[in-house]
């Protein structure tokens, strides 16, 4: 019997960054985007993140 495991690959981009490239900070909208992503992935059993 052949068994296969299902794997999922989630690609996520950082949230919206401020225009000041040296600051490396997220805008208020970017922080909200990151929060929503965290909410969405909260119950996903992740094995690794990079």
N, C-alpha and C. Protein backbone atom coordinates (compact mmCIF):
# COMPACT_ATOMS: atom_id res chain seq x y z
N UNK A 1 0.84 -1.19 0.00
CA UNK A 1 0.00 0.00 0.00
C UNK A 1 0.88 1.25 0.00
N UNK A 2 0.63 2.11 -0.93
CA UNK A 2 1.36 3.38 -0.98
C UNK A 2 0.64 4.42 -0.12
N UNK A 3 1.38 5.03 0.76
CA UNK A 3 0.81 6.11 1.56
C UNK A 3 1.59 7.38 1.28
N UNK A 4 0.89 8.45 1.21
CA UNK A 4 1.54 9.74 1.00
C UNK A 4 1.07 10.70 2.07
N UNK A 5 1.94 11.61 2.40
CA UNK A 5 1.60 12.64 3.38
C UNK A 5 1.28 13.93 2.63
N UNK A 6 0.27 14.60 3.07
CA UNK A 6 -0.06 15.89 2.50
C UNK A 6 0.75 16.96 3.21
N UNK A 7 1.38 17.80 2.43
CA UNK A 7 2.13 18.91 3.01
C UNK A 7 1.61 20.21 2.43
N UNK A 8 1.63 21.21 3.24
CA UNK A 8 1.18 22.53 2.81
C UNK A 8 2.34 23.50 2.94
N UNK A 9 2.48 24.35 1.96
CA UNK A 9 3.50 25.38 1.97
C UNK A 9 2.77 26.72 2.04
N UNK A 10 3.03 27.45 3.10
CA UNK A 10 2.43 28.77 3.28
C UNK A 10 3.50 29.82 2.98
N UNK A 11 3.21 30.69 2.07
CA UNK A 11 4.10 31.80 1.77
C UNK A 11 3.47 33.07 2.30
N UNK A 12 4.22 33.79 3.07
CA UNK A 12 3.70 35.04 3.64
C UNK A 12 4.76 36.12 3.47
N UNK A 13 4.33 37.27 3.13
CA UNK A 13 5.22 38.40 2.98
C UNK A 13 5.07 39.30 4.20
N UNK A 14 6.11 40.02 4.50
CA UNK A 14 6.03 40.95 5.64
C UNK A 14 4.91 41.95 5.39
N UNK A 15 4.47 42.58 6.44
CA UNK A 15 3.44 43.60 6.31
C UNK A 15 4.01 44.86 5.67
N UNK A 16 3.14 45.79 5.41
CA UNK A 16 3.52 47.05 4.79
C UNK A 16 4.58 47.77 5.64
N UNK A 17 5.69 48.10 5.01
CA UNK A 17 6.80 48.75 5.72
C UNK A 17 6.72 50.27 5.55
N UNK A 18 7.35 50.96 6.50
CA UNK A 18 7.38 52.42 6.40
C UNK A 18 8.24 52.84 5.22
N UNK A 19 8.01 54.04 4.74
CA UNK A 19 8.76 54.55 3.59
C UNK A 19 10.22 54.79 3.95
N UNK A 20 10.51 54.99 5.23
CA UNK A 20 11.87 55.19 5.69
C UNK A 20 12.58 53.84 5.76
N UNK A 21 13.33 53.51 4.71
CA UNK A 21 13.96 52.18 4.60
C UNK A 21 14.93 51.89 5.73
N UNK A 22 15.57 52.91 6.29
CA UNK A 22 16.54 52.69 7.35
C UNK A 22 15.87 52.28 8.66
N UNK A 23 14.62 52.67 8.84
CA UNK A 23 13.93 52.37 10.09
C UNK A 23 13.58 50.89 10.19
N UNK A 24 13.21 50.28 9.06
CA UNK A 24 12.85 48.87 9.07
C UNK A 24 11.63 48.56 9.91
N UNK A 25 10.71 49.49 10.01
CA UNK A 25 9.53 49.32 10.84
C UNK A 25 8.29 49.16 9.97
N UNK A 26 7.28 48.53 10.53
CA UNK A 26 6.01 48.40 9.84
C UNK A 26 5.14 49.63 10.10
N UNK A 27 4.30 49.92 9.14
CA UNK A 27 3.31 50.97 9.32
C UNK A 27 2.19 50.41 10.20
N UNK A 28 1.26 51.25 10.57
CA UNK A 28 0.10 50.78 11.35
C UNK A 28 -0.65 49.72 10.54
N UNK A 29 -0.76 49.94 9.24
CA UNK A 29 -1.41 48.96 8.37
C UNK A 29 -0.62 47.66 8.34
N UNK A 30 0.71 47.74 8.30
CA UNK A 30 1.56 46.56 8.30
C UNK A 30 1.45 45.77 9.59
N UNK A 31 1.35 46.47 10.71
CA UNK A 31 1.16 45.78 11.99
C UNK A 31 -0.19 45.06 12.02
N UNK A 32 -1.20 45.68 11.45
CA UNK A 32 -2.52 45.05 11.38
C UNK A 32 -2.46 43.82 10.47
N UNK A 33 -1.75 43.92 9.35
CA UNK A 33 -1.59 42.78 8.45
C UNK A 33 -0.90 41.61 9.17
N UNK A 34 0.13 41.91 9.93
CA UNK A 34 0.85 40.87 10.68
C UNK A 34 -0.06 40.24 11.74
N UNK A 35 -0.86 41.05 12.38
CA UNK A 35 -1.79 40.55 13.39
C UNK A 35 -2.82 39.61 12.76
N UNK A 36 -3.36 40.01 11.61
CA UNK A 36 -4.34 39.18 10.92
C UNK A 36 -3.73 37.86 10.45
N UNK A 37 -2.48 37.90 9.99
CA UNK A 37 -1.80 36.67 9.57
C UNK A 37 -1.63 35.74 10.77
N UNK A 38 -1.22 36.30 11.90
CA UNK A 38 -1.08 35.49 13.11
C UNK A 38 -2.39 34.85 13.52
N UNK A 39 -3.48 35.62 13.42
CA UNK A 39 -4.80 35.07 13.74
C UNK A 39 -5.15 33.92 12.81
N UNK A 40 -4.85 34.10 11.53
CA UNK A 40 -5.19 33.08 10.55
C UNK A 40 -4.39 31.80 10.72
N UNK A 41 -3.13 31.94 11.14
CA UNK A 41 -2.26 30.77 11.28
C UNK A 41 -2.22 30.21 12.70
N UNK A 42 -2.96 30.80 13.60
CA UNK A 42 -2.92 30.42 15.02
C UNK A 42 -3.07 28.93 15.24
N UNK A 43 -4.01 28.30 14.58
CA UNK A 43 -4.30 26.89 14.82
C UNK A 43 -3.68 25.95 13.78
N UNK A 44 -2.82 26.48 12.94
CA UNK A 44 -2.16 25.65 11.92
C UNK A 44 -0.94 24.99 12.56
N UNK A 45 -0.85 23.67 12.48
CA UNK A 45 0.30 22.98 13.08
C UNK A 45 1.55 23.13 12.23
N UNK A 46 2.31 24.17 12.46
CA UNK A 46 3.52 24.45 11.68
C UNK A 46 4.68 23.64 12.22
N UNK A 47 5.44 23.04 11.32
CA UNK A 47 6.64 22.28 11.71
C UNK A 47 7.88 23.14 11.66
N UNK A 48 7.89 24.16 10.80
CA UNK A 48 9.07 25.01 10.66
C UNK A 48 8.67 26.35 10.07
N UNK A 49 9.47 27.35 10.39
CA UNK A 49 9.29 28.69 9.80
C UNK A 49 10.66 29.22 9.44
N UNK A 50 10.75 29.93 8.36
CA UNK A 50 12.00 30.56 7.93
C UNK A 50 11.74 31.94 7.44
